[in-house]
Amino acid sequence: MLKDMQDSFYIQSPEQATVLLNPIRGEIIAQLMEPASAAEVARILGETAQRINYHLKALEKAGLVQKVGTRQVRNLVEVLYRSIAKTFVLAESLSMKPETLQKLKDQSSLAHLVTTSERIKRDAMLLMEQCEANEVIPSASLQFQVHLCDEVQRQAFVEEYTALVEQMVQRYSAASAENQAYQVLLAVYPKPQES
């Protein structure tokens, strides 16, 4: 039975955490706010459909995505998947040591940052190639630095930052898929020490 998409889903088992914390799987889930096939997600992420299908099976087995239908494309039947939630949160109740849980969160975020930065670079290059001499491709990029004094303040900042961006995206999202889609990719990470 098809369930409604939840706003947030708390990851409470180590098995689900391990599956979700693979960076490519986080990218896949981000593309499944609306039903999509492995081939569609593969095109968006610049991956092969076989690789995406492999990760979709792992996400489905862990209960993080669900099949929502099928459609005929030429002589093939494509399976459509959708994420079970808009956001995923690692529950503090996970049966892992606190330091292991924090390390998983941090390493996953850094791996996702690498994947995201590669994606931004690839998308920017494609847009530059598509740009004609007098055509303007609308885009925006911002960079800020904030000084956070401790873990509590860092966590509060990230939670408020996420909530504000989600509200803004929902407010400005057009209901029609015919409108131009814009990517919103954001990151918060400590400034690296330069040698």
N, C-alpha and C. Protein backbone atom coordinates (compact mmCIF):
# COMPACT_ATOMS: atom_id res chain seq x y z
N MET A 1 0.83 -1.19 0.00
CA MET A 1 0.00 0.00 0.00
C MET A 1 0.87 1.25 0.00
N LEU A 2 0.55 2.20 -0.87
CA LEU A 2 1.31 3.43 -1.00
C LEU A 2 1.03 4.36 0.17
N LYS A 3 2.12 4.79 0.84
CA LYS A 3 1.98 5.69 1.99
C LYS A 3 2.27 7.12 1.55
N ASP A 4 1.67 8.09 2.26
CA ASP A 4 1.96 9.49 2.00
C ASP A 4 3.40 9.80 2.40
N MET A 5 4.01 10.74 1.70
CA MET A 5 5.38 11.14 2.05
C MET A 5 5.36 11.90 3.37
N GLN A 6 6.25 11.51 4.27
CA GLN A 6 6.36 12.18 5.57
C GLN A 6 7.24 13.43 5.43
N ASP A 7 7.02 14.40 6.32
CA ASP A 7 7.90 15.57 6.33
C ASP A 7 9.30 15.17 6.80
N SER A 8 9.36 14.41 7.90
CA SER A 8 10.64 13.96 8.45
C SER A 8 10.54 12.50 8.83
N PHE A 9 11.64 11.78 8.66
CA PHE A 9 11.70 10.38 9.06
C PHE A 9 12.94 10.21 9.92
N TYR A 10 12.76 9.64 11.11
CA TYR A 10 13.89 9.43 12.01
C TYR A 10 14.51 8.07 11.77
N ILE A 11 15.78 8.07 11.39
CA ILE A 11 16.52 6.83 11.17
C ILE A 11 16.87 6.27 12.53
N GLN A 12 16.28 5.10 12.87
CA GLN A 12 16.47 4.54 14.20
C GLN A 12 17.25 3.24 14.19
N SER A 13 17.56 2.69 13.03
CA SER A 13 18.33 1.44 13.00
C SER A 13 19.68 1.68 12.36
N PRO A 14 20.73 1.02 12.87
CA PRO A 14 22.07 1.17 12.27
C PRO A 14 22.08 0.75 10.80
N GLU A 15 21.25 -0.25 10.44
CA GLU A 15 21.20 -0.72 9.06
C GLU A 15 20.71 0.39 8.12
N GLN A 16 19.64 1.08 8.52
CA GLN A 16 19.13 2.19 7.71
C GLN A 16 20.16 3.32 7.64
N ALA A 17 20.81 3.60 8.76
CA ALA A 17 21.82 4.67 8.79
C ALA A 17 22.94 4.37 7.81
N THR A 18 23.42 3.13 7.82
CA THR A 18 24.51 2.74 6.93
C THR A 18 24.12 2.87 5.47
N VAL A 19 22.89 2.46 5.14
CA VAL A 19 22.40 2.56 3.77
C VAL A 19 22.29 4.02 3.35
N LEU A 20 21.70 4.85 4.19
CA LEU A 20 21.44 6.24 3.84
C LEU A 20 22.71 7.08 3.75
N LEU A 21 23.72 6.76 4.54
CA LEU A 21 24.89 7.62 4.62
C LEU A 21 25.86 7.46 3.45
N ASN A 22 25.53 6.59 2.50
CA ASN A 22 26.30 6.51 1.27
C ASN A 22 25.98 7.77 0.45
N PRO A 23 26.97 8.59 0.07
CA PRO A 23 26.69 9.88 -0.58
C PRO A 23 25.82 9.79 -1.83
N ILE A 24 26.05 8.81 -2.70
CA ILE A 24 25.25 8.72 -3.92
C ILE A 24 23.78 8.43 -3.58
N ARG A 25 23.55 7.69 -2.49
CA ARG A 25 22.17 7.40 -2.10
C ARG A 25 21.47 8.65 -1.58
N GLY A 26 22.21 9.51 -0.90
CA GLY A 26 21.63 10.79 -0.49
C GLY A 26 21.25 11.63 -1.69
N GLU A 27 22.09 11.60 -2.73
CA GLU A 27 21.78 12.32 -3.97
C GLU A 27 20.54 11.74 -4.64
N ILE A 28 20.43 10.42 -4.64
CA ILE A 28 19.27 9.76 -5.27
C ILE A 28 17.99 10.16 -4.54
N ILE A 29 18.01 10.08 -3.22
CA ILE A 29 16.81 10.41 -2.44
C ILE A 29 16.40 11.87 -2.68
N ALA A 30 17.38 12.75 -2.82
CA ALA A 30 17.07 14.17 -3.07
C ALA A 30 16.31 14.35 -4.38
N GLN A 31 16.49 13.44 -5.32
CA GLN A 31 15.79 13.53 -6.61
C GLN A 31 14.43 12.85 -6.58
N LEU A 32 14.09 12.21 -5.48
CA LEU A 32 12.85 11.42 -5.42
C LEU A 32 11.76 12.08 -4.57
N MET A 33 11.73 13.42 -4.57
CA MET A 33 10.62 14.12 -3.92
C MET A 33 9.35 13.94 -4.75
N GLU A 34 9.52 13.70 -6.03
CA GLU A 34 8.45 13.34 -6.96
C GLU A 34 8.81 11.99 -7.56
N PRO A 35 7.82 11.19 -7.96
CA PRO A 35 8.14 9.87 -8.53
C PRO A 35 9.06 9.98 -9.74
N ALA A 36 10.04 9.10 -9.79
CA ALA A 36 11.00 9.07 -10.91
C ALA A 36 11.53 7.66 -11.07
N SER A 37 12.01 7.38 -12.26
CA SER A 37 12.60 6.07 -12.56
C SER A 37 14.12 6.13 -12.37
N ALA A 38 14.73 4.97 -12.36
CA ALA A 38 16.20 4.90 -12.26
C ALA A 38 16.84 5.64 -13.42
N ALA A 39 16.26 5.52 -14.62
CA ALA A 39 16.82 6.19 -15.80
C ALA A 39 16.75 7.71 -15.66
N GLU A 40 15.64 8.24 -15.13
CA GLU A 40 15.52 9.69 -14.94
C GLU A 40 16.55 10.20 -13.94
N VAL A 41 16.66 9.52 -12.80
CA VAL A 41 17.62 9.93 -11.77
C VAL A 41 19.04 9.83 -12.32
N ALA A 42 19.32 8.79 -13.10
CA ALA A 42 20.65 8.61 -13.68
C ALA A 42 21.01 9.79 -14.59
N ARG A 43 20.05 10.24 -15.41
CA ARG A 43 20.31 11.38 -16.30
C ARG A 43 20.64 12.64 -15.50
N ILE A 44 19.86 12.88 -14.44
CA ILE A 44 20.07 14.08 -13.62
C ILE A 44 21.44 14.05 -12.94
N LEU A 45 21.83 12.88 -12.43
CA LEU A 45 23.07 12.77 -11.67
C LEU A 45 24.29 12.44 -12.53
N GLY A 46 24.07 12.21 -13.83
CA GLY A 46 25.19 11.87 -14.70
C GLY A 46 25.78 10.51 -14.40
N GLU A 47 24.92 9.57 -14.02
CA GLU A 47 25.34 8.22 -13.68
C GLU A 47 24.70 7.23 -14.65
N THR A 48 25.09 5.96 -14.56
CA THR A 48 24.43 4.94 -15.37
C THR A 48 23.15 4.50 -14.67
N ALA A 49 22.17 4.10 -15.46
CA ALA A 49 20.90 3.62 -14.89
C ALA A 49 21.14 2.37 -14.05
N GLN A 50 22.09 1.53 -14.45
CA GLN A 50 22.38 0.30 -13.69
C GLN A 50 22.88 0.62 -12.29
N ARG A 51 23.78 1.62 -12.20
CA ARG A 51 24.31 1.99 -10.88
C ARG A 51 23.21 2.57 -9.99
N ILE A 52 22.37 3.44 -10.57
CA ILE A 52 21.27 4.04 -9.80
C ILE A 52 20.29 2.96 -9.38
N ASN A 53 19.99 2.03 -10.27
CA ASN A 53 19.06 0.95 -9.95
C ASN A 53 19.57 0.11 -8.78
N TYR A 54 20.86 -0.17 -8.76
CA TYR A 54 21.47 -0.92 -7.66
C TYR A 54 21.25 -0.20 -6.33
N HIS A 55 21.50 1.10 -6.30
CA HIS A 55 21.33 1.87 -5.07
C HIS A 55 19.85 2.02 -4.69
N LEU A 56 18.97 2.12 -5.69
CA LEU A 56 17.53 2.18 -5.41
C LEU A 56 17.05 0.91 -4.73
N LYS A 57 17.57 -0.22 -5.18
CA LYS A 57 17.18 -1.50 -4.55
C LYS A 57 17.61 -1.52 -3.07
N ALA A 58 18.81 -1.02 -2.78
CA ALA A 58 19.29 -0.97 -1.39
C ALA A 58 18.43 -0.02 -0.56
N LEU A 59 18.07 1.13 -1.13
CA LEU A 59 17.21 2.09 -0.43
C LEU A 59 15.81 1.53 -0.20
N GLU A 60 15.30 0.82 -1.19
CA GLU A 60 13.97 0.21 -1.03
C GLU A 60 13.99 -0.88 0.03
N LYS A 61 15.02 -1.71 0.00
CA LYS A 61 15.14 -2.80 0.99
C LYS A 61 15.22 -2.23 2.41
N ALA A 62 15.86 -1.07 2.56
CA ALA A 62 15.98 -0.43 3.88
C ALA A 62 14.71 0.34 4.25
N GLY A 63 13.74 0.42 3.33
CA GLY A 63 12.48 1.11 3.61
C GLY A 63 12.57 2.62 3.51
N LEU A 64 13.53 3.14 2.74
CA LEU A 64 13.72 4.58 2.63
C LEU A 64 13.12 5.18 1.36
N VAL A 65 12.90 4.33 0.36
CA VAL A 65 12.14 4.72 -0.83
C VAL A 65 11.10 3.63 -1.07
N GLN A 66 10.07 3.98 -1.82
CA GLN A 66 9.05 2.98 -2.14
C GLN A 66 8.67 3.05 -3.61
N LYS A 67 8.26 1.89 -4.13
CA LYS A 67 7.74 1.85 -5.50
C LYS A 67 6.37 2.52 -5.48
N VAL A 68 6.14 3.40 -6.46
CA VAL A 68 4.85 4.11 -6.50
C VAL A 68 4.11 3.88 -7.81
N GLY A 69 4.69 3.08 -8.69
CA GLY A 69 4.00 2.79 -9.94
C GLY A 69 4.96 2.36 -11.02
N THR A 70 4.40 2.20 -12.21
CA THR A 70 5.20 1.85 -13.38
C THR A 70 4.68 2.66 -14.57
N ARG A 71 5.49 2.71 -15.62
CA ARG A 71 5.02 3.33 -16.87
C ARG A 71 5.75 2.66 -18.03
N GLN A 72 5.08 2.63 -19.15
CA GLN A 72 5.62 2.05 -20.37
C GLN A 72 6.44 3.10 -21.11
N VAL A 73 7.70 2.80 -21.40
CA VAL A 73 8.56 3.67 -22.20
C VAL A 73 9.09 2.82 -23.34
N ARG A 74 8.58 3.07 -24.53
CA ARG A 74 8.85 2.25 -25.70
C ARG A 74 8.53 0.80 -25.38
N ASN A 75 9.51 -0.09 -25.44
CA ASN A 75 9.22 -1.50 -25.15
C ASN A 75 9.64 -1.91 -23.73
N LEU A 76 9.90 -0.93 -22.87
CA LEU A 76 10.31 -1.21 -21.49
C LEU A 76 9.26 -0.72 -20.50
N VAL A 77 9.20 -1.40 -19.37
CA VAL A 77 8.36 -0.94 -18.27
C VAL A 77 9.30 -0.38 -17.20
N GLU A 78 9.17 0.94 -16.94
CA GLU A 78 10.01 1.58 -15.91
C GLU A 78 9.28 1.58 -14.58
N VAL A 79 10.01 1.26 -13.52
CA VAL A 79 9.47 1.32 -12.17
C VAL A 79 9.71 2.72 -11.63
N LEU A 80 8.69 3.32 -11.03
CA LEU A 80 8.80 4.66 -10.45
C LEU A 80 8.97 4.54 -8.94
N TYR A 81 9.91 5.30 -8.39
CA TYR A 81 10.19 5.31 -6.96
C TYR A 81 9.95 6.71 -6.41
N ARG A 82 9.68 6.77 -5.11
CA ARG A 82 9.58 8.05 -4.42
C ARG A 82 10.15 7.88 -3.02
N SER A 83 10.77 8.93 -2.52
CA SER A 83 11.28 8.92 -1.15
C SER A 83 10.12 8.79 -0.17
N ILE A 84 10.36 8.18 0.98
CA ILE A 84 9.29 8.07 1.99
C ILE A 84 9.17 9.35 2.81
N ALA A 85 10.18 10.26 2.71
CA ALA A 85 10.15 11.49 3.51
C ALA A 85 10.90 12.60 2.80
N LYS A 86 10.57 13.84 3.18
CA LYS A 86 11.27 15.00 2.62
C LYS A 86 12.65 15.16 3.24
N THR A 87 12.76 14.85 4.52
CA THR A 87 14.06 14.94 5.20
C THR A 87 14.25 13.70 6.08
N PHE A 88 15.52 13.36 6.31
CA PHE A 88 15.87 12.23 7.15
C PHE A 88 16.76 12.73 8.28
N VAL A 89 16.48 12.27 9.49
CA VAL A 89 17.23 12.70 10.67
C VAL A 89 17.74 11.46 11.39
N LEU A 90 19.04 11.46 11.70
CA LEU A 90 19.59 10.34 12.47
C LEU A 90 19.16 10.49 13.92
N ALA A 91 18.38 9.54 14.40
CA ALA A 91 17.86 9.60 15.77
C ALA A 91 18.99 9.37 16.76
N GLU A 92 18.93 10.10 17.85
CA GLU A 92 19.94 9.92 18.91
C GLU A 92 19.80 8.54 19.56
N SER A 93 18.64 7.92 19.38
CA SER A 93 18.39 6.61 19.98
C SER A 93 19.03 5.46 19.20
N LEU A 94 19.72 5.76 18.10
CA LEU A 94 20.40 4.70 17.35
C LEU A 94 21.33 3.95 18.28
N SER A 95 21.34 2.64 18.15
CA SER A 95 22.15 1.84 19.06
C SER A 95 23.62 1.84 18.62
N MET A 96 24.19 3.04 18.64
CA MET A 96 25.61 3.22 18.33
C MET A 96 26.19 4.12 19.40
N LYS A 97 27.47 4.01 19.61
CA LYS A 97 28.12 4.91 20.54
C LYS A 97 27.96 6.34 20.02
N PRO A 98 27.78 7.32 20.91
CA PRO A 98 27.61 8.71 20.46
C PRO A 98 28.72 9.19 19.53
N GLU A 99 29.97 8.80 19.83
CA GLU A 99 31.08 9.26 18.99
C GLU A 99 31.03 8.61 17.59
N THR A 100 30.55 7.35 17.52
CA THR A 100 30.40 6.67 16.23
C THR A 100 29.31 7.34 15.41
N LEU A 101 28.20 7.65 16.08
CA LEU A 101 27.08 8.31 15.42
C LEU A 101 27.50 9.68 14.88
N GLN A 102 28.21 10.45 15.69
CA GLN A 102 28.66 11.78 15.25
C GLN A 102 29.64 11.65 14.08
N LYS A 103 30.53 10.67 14.15
CA LYS A 103 31.49 10.47 13.06
C LYS A 103 30.75 10.11 11.77
N LEU A 104 29.74 9.24 11.87
CA LEU A 104 28.94 8.88 10.69
C LEU A 104 28.28 10.12 10.10
N LYS A 105 27.68 10.95 10.95
CA LYS A 105 27.02 12.17 10.48
C LYS A 105 28.03 13.09 9.78
N ASP A 106 29.19 13.31 10.44
CA ASP A 106 30.18 14.23 9.90
C ASP A 106 30.77 13.73 8.59
N GLN A 107 31.15 12.43 8.55
CA GLN A 107 31.76 11.88 7.34
C GLN A 107 30.77 11.86 6.19
N SER A 108 29.51 11.57 6.50
CA SER A 108 28.49 11.57 5.45
C SER A 108 28.33 12.97 4.88
N SER A 109 28.32 13.97 5.75
CA SER A 109 28.18 15.35 5.29
C SER A 109 29.34 15.76 4.41
N LEU A 110 30.56 15.38 4.80
CA LEU A 110 31.73 15.74 3.99
C LEU A 110 31.70 15.03 2.64
N ALA A 111 31.32 13.75 2.64
CA ALA A 111 31.23 13.00 1.38
C ALA A 111 30.17 13.62 0.49
N HIS A 112 29.06 14.01 1.09
CA HIS A 112 27.98 14.65 0.33
C HIS A 112 28.45 16.01 -0.23
N LEU A 113 29.26 16.72 0.53
CA LEU A 113 29.80 18.00 0.09
C LEU A 113 30.66 17.82 -1.17
N VAL A 114 31.48 16.77 -1.19
CA VAL A 114 32.32 16.49 -2.36
C VAL A 114 31.43 16.19 -3.56
N THR A 115 30.43 15.32 -3.37
CA THR A 115 29.51 14.96 -4.45
C THR A 115 28.77 16.19 -4.96
N THR A 116 28.30 17.02 -4.03
CA THR A 116 27.55 18.22 -4.40
C THR A 116 28.42 19.21 -5.17
N SER A 117 29.65 19.41 -4.72
CA SER A 117 30.53 20.36 -5.41
C SER A 117 30.85 19.88 -6.82
N GLU A 118 31.01 18.56 -6.99
CA GLU A 118 31.24 18.01 -8.33
C GLU A 118 30.00 18.24 -9.21
N ARG A 119 28.84 18.08 -8.61
CA ARG A 119 27.59 18.28 -9.35
C ARG A 119 27.43 19.75 -9.76
N ILE A 120 27.74 20.68 -8.85
CA ILE A 120 27.65 22.10 -9.18
C ILE A 120 28.59 22.43 -10.34
N LYS A 121 29.81 21.92 -10.28
CA LYS A 121 30.78 22.17 -11.34
C LYS A 121 30.27 21.63 -12.68
N ARG A 122 29.77 20.38 -12.68
CA ARG A 122 29.26 19.77 -13.91
C ARG A 122 28.08 20.58 -14.47
N ASP A 123 27.13 20.95 -13.59
CA ASP A 123 25.97 21.72 -14.04
C ASP A 123 26.38 23.09 -14.60
N ALA A 124 27.32 23.75 -13.93
CA ALA A 124 27.78 25.07 -14.39
C ALA A 124 28.44 24.96 -15.77
N MET A 125 29.23 23.91 -15.97
CA MET A 125 29.87 23.72 -17.28
C MET A 125 28.83 23.47 -18.37
N LEU A 126 27.82 22.66 -18.07
CA LEU A 126 26.75 22.40 -19.04
C LEU A 126 25.99 23.67 -19.38
N LEU A 127 25.69 24.48 -18.36
CA LEU A 127 24.99 25.75 -18.61
C LEU A 127 25.84 26.70 -19.43
N MET A 128 27.14 26.74 -19.17
CA MET A 128 28.02 27.61 -19.94
C MET A 128 28.07 27.16 -21.41
N GLU A 129 28.06 25.84 -21.63
CA GLU A 129 28.05 25.32 -22.99
C GLU A 129 26.75 25.67 -23.71
N GLN A 130 25.63 25.67 -22.95
CA GLN A 130 24.32 25.95 -23.54
C GLN A 130 24.12 27.44 -23.80
N CYS A 131 24.88 28.24 -23.13
CA CYS A 131 24.71 29.70 -23.22
C CYS A 131 25.17 30.20 -24.59
N GLU A 132 24.29 30.92 -25.26
CA GLU A 132 24.66 31.54 -26.53
C GLU A 132 25.30 32.90 -26.23
N ALA A 133 25.88 33.49 -27.23
CA ALA A 133 26.65 34.72 -27.03
C ALA A 133 25.91 35.79 -26.24
N ASN A 134 24.65 36.05 -26.56
CA ASN A 134 23.91 37.11 -25.89
C ASN A 134 22.88 36.60 -24.88
N GLU A 135 22.85 35.29 -24.65
CA GLU A 135 21.87 34.72 -23.72
C GLU A 135 22.40 34.82 -22.29
N VAL A 136 21.52 35.20 -21.38
CA VAL A 136 21.89 35.27 -19.96
C VAL A 136 21.27 34.08 -19.25
N ILE A 137 22.09 33.33 -18.55
CA ILE A 137 21.61 32.20 -17.74
C ILE A 137 21.49 32.72 -16.30
N PRO A 138 20.25 32.87 -15.79
CA PRO A 138 20.09 33.41 -14.43
C PRO A 138 20.60 32.43 -13.37
N SER A 139 21.42 32.92 -12.49
CA SER A 139 21.94 32.09 -11.40
C SER A 139 22.33 33.01 -10.24
N ALA A 140 22.60 32.43 -9.11
CA ALA A 140 23.05 33.20 -7.95
C ALA A 140 23.93 32.31 -7.10
N SER A 141 24.94 32.88 -6.51
CA SER A 141 25.74 32.15 -5.54
C SER A 141 26.12 33.10 -4.41
N LEU A 142 26.11 32.58 -3.22
CA LEU A 142 26.41 33.37 -2.03
C LEU A 142 27.47 32.65 -1.21
N GLN A 143 28.27 33.40 -0.51
CA GLN A 143 29.25 32.81 0.39
C GLN A 143 29.34 33.66 1.64
N PHE A 144 29.18 33.03 2.78
CA PHE A 144 29.25 33.72 4.06
C PHE A 144 30.14 32.92 5.00
N GLN A 145 30.59 33.59 6.04
CA GLN A 145 31.32 32.91 7.10
C GLN A 145 30.67 33.29 8.42
N VAL A 146 30.40 32.30 9.26
CA VAL A 146 29.79 32.55 10.56
C VAL A 146 30.67 31.89 11.64
N HIS A 147 30.83 32.58 12.76
CA HIS A 147 31.63 32.03 13.85
C HIS A 147 30.68 31.45 14.90
N LEU A 148 30.79 30.15 15.13
CA LEU A 148 29.92 29.45 16.08
C LEU A 148 30.78 28.96 17.23
N CYS A 149 30.33 29.25 18.46
CA CYS A 149 31.22 29.03 19.61
C CYS A 149 31.26 27.60 20.13
N ASP A 150 30.20 26.80 19.89
CA ASP A 150 30.23 25.42 20.41
C ASP A 150 29.27 24.53 19.62
N GLU A 151 29.25 23.25 19.99
CA GLU A 151 28.42 22.27 19.28
C GLU A 151 26.94 22.59 19.38
N VAL A 152 26.49 23.08 20.54
CA VAL A 152 25.07 23.42 20.73
C VAL A 152 24.67 24.54 19.78
N GLN A 153 25.49 25.58 19.70
CA GLN A 153 25.18 26.69 18.81
C GLN A 153 25.25 26.25 17.34
N ARG A 154 26.23 25.39 17.01
CA ARG A 154 26.34 24.89 15.64
C ARG A 154 25.08 24.13 15.25
N GLN A 155 24.61 23.25 16.12
CA GLN A 155 23.41 22.46 15.84
C GLN A 155 22.18 23.36 15.69
N ALA A 156 22.06 24.35 16.56
CA ALA A 156 20.93 25.28 16.49
C ALA A 156 20.97 26.07 15.17
N PHE A 157 22.16 26.50 14.78
CA PHE A 157 22.31 27.24 13.52
C PHE A 157 21.88 26.39 12.34
N VAL A 158 22.36 25.15 12.28
CA VAL A 158 22.04 24.26 11.16
C VAL A 158 20.53 23.98 11.10
N GLU A 159 19.91 23.75 12.25
CA GLU A 159 18.47 23.47 12.27
C GLU A 159 17.66 24.68 11.80
N GLU A 160 18.02 25.87 12.28
CA GLU A 160 17.27 27.07 11.88
C GLU A 160 17.51 27.38 10.39
N TYR A 161 18.75 27.24 9.96
CA TYR A 161 19.13 27.47 8.57
C TYR A 161 18.34 26.54 7.64
N THR A 162 18.26 25.25 7.99
CA THR A 162 17.52 24.28 7.20
C THR A 162 16.03 24.62 7.14
N ALA A 163 15.46 24.95 8.29
CA ALA A 163 14.02 25.28 8.35
C ALA A 163 13.69 26.51 7.51
N LEU A 164 14.53 27.54 7.59
CA LEU A 164 14.28 28.77 6.83
C LEU A 164 14.37 28.52 5.32
N VAL A 165 15.37 27.75 4.90
CA VAL A 165 15.51 27.47 3.47
C VAL A 165 14.35 26.61 2.99
N GLU A 166 13.93 25.61 3.77
CA GLU A 166 12.79 24.78 3.38
C GLU A 166 11.52 25.62 3.23
N GLN A 167 11.29 26.55 4.16
CA GLN A 167 10.12 27.43 4.07
C GLN A 167 10.17 28.27 2.80
N MET A 168 11.34 28.82 2.49
CA MET A 168 11.48 29.66 1.32
C MET A 168 11.27 28.86 0.04
N VAL A 169 11.85 27.67 -0.04
CA VAL A 169 11.69 26.83 -1.22
C VAL A 169 10.21 26.48 -1.42
N GLN A 170 9.52 26.12 -0.34
CA GLN A 170 8.09 25.79 -0.44
C GLN A 170 7.28 27.00 -0.88
N ARG A 171 7.60 28.18 -0.36
CA ARG A 171 6.85 29.39 -0.70
C ARG A 171 6.98 29.74 -2.17
N TYR A 172 8.17 29.54 -2.74
CA TYR A 172 8.40 29.96 -4.12
C TYR A 172 8.25 28.84 -5.14
N SER A 173 8.05 27.61 -4.70
CA SER A 173 7.92 26.50 -5.65
C SER A 173 6.60 26.60 -6.39
N ALA A 174 6.68 26.57 -7.71
CA ALA A 174 5.48 26.58 -8.55
C ALA A 174 4.90 25.17 -8.59
N ALA A 175 3.59 25.09 -8.65
CA ALA A 175 2.92 23.80 -8.63
C ALA A 175 3.11 23.03 -9.93
N SER A 176 3.38 23.72 -11.02
CA SER A 176 3.46 23.08 -12.33
C SER A 176 4.89 22.63 -12.64
N ALA A 177 4.99 21.42 -13.19
CA ALA A 177 6.30 20.91 -13.61
C ALA A 177 6.76 21.56 -14.91
N GLU A 178 5.87 22.34 -15.55
CA GLU A 178 6.22 22.99 -16.82
C GLU A 178 7.14 24.19 -16.60
N ASN A 179 7.17 24.74 -15.39
CA ASN A 179 8.00 25.90 -15.11
C ASN A 179 9.47 25.49 -15.00
N GLN A 180 10.36 26.47 -15.15
CA GLN A 180 11.80 26.23 -15.06
C GLN A 180 12.17 25.76 -13.66
N ALA A 181 12.90 24.65 -13.57
CA ALA A 181 13.36 24.14 -12.27
C ALA A 181 14.73 24.73 -11.95
N TYR A 182 14.92 25.17 -10.74
CA TYR A 182 16.21 25.69 -10.27
C TYR A 182 16.72 24.80 -9.16
N GLN A 183 18.01 24.51 -9.19
CA GLN A 183 18.63 23.71 -8.14
C GLN A 183 18.96 24.62 -6.96
N VAL A 184 18.73 24.13 -5.75
CA VAL A 184 19.12 24.84 -4.53
C VAL A 184 20.04 23.90 -3.75
N LEU A 185 21.31 24.23 -3.72
CA LEU A 185 22.30 23.40 -3.04
C LEU A 185 23.01 24.27 -2.01
N LEU A 186 22.98 23.86 -0.76
CA LEU A 186 23.56 24.64 0.33
C LEU A 186 24.49 23.78 1.16
N ALA A 187 25.46 24.40 1.77
CA ALA A 187 26.41 23.64 2.60
C ALA A 187 26.87 24.47 3.78
N VAL A 188 27.09 23.80 4.88
CA VAL A 188 27.69 24.42 6.07
C VAL A 188 28.82 23.48 6.51
N TYR A 189 30.04 24.02 6.61
CA TYR A 189 31.16 23.19 7.04
C TYR A 189 32.24 24.09 7.64
N PRO A 190 33.08 23.52 8.50
CA PRO A 190 34.12 24.34 9.11
C PRO A 190 35.17 24.76 8.07
N LYS A 191 35.67 25.97 8.22
CA LYS A 191 36.71 26.46 7.30
C LYS A 191 37.96 25.61 7.50
N PRO A 192 38.46 24.99 6.41
CA PRO A 192 39.65 24.14 6.57
C PRO A 192 40.89 24.97 6.89
N GLN A 193 41.81 24.35 7.58
CA GLN A 193 43.10 25.00 7.85
C GLN A 193 43.96 24.86 6.61
N GLU A 194 44.48 25.96 6.13
CA GLU A 194 45.31 25.92 4.93
C GLU A 194 46.76 25.82 5.34
N SER A 195 47.51 24.97 4.63
CA SER A 195 48.92 24.77 4.99
C SER A 195 49.81 25.77 4.29
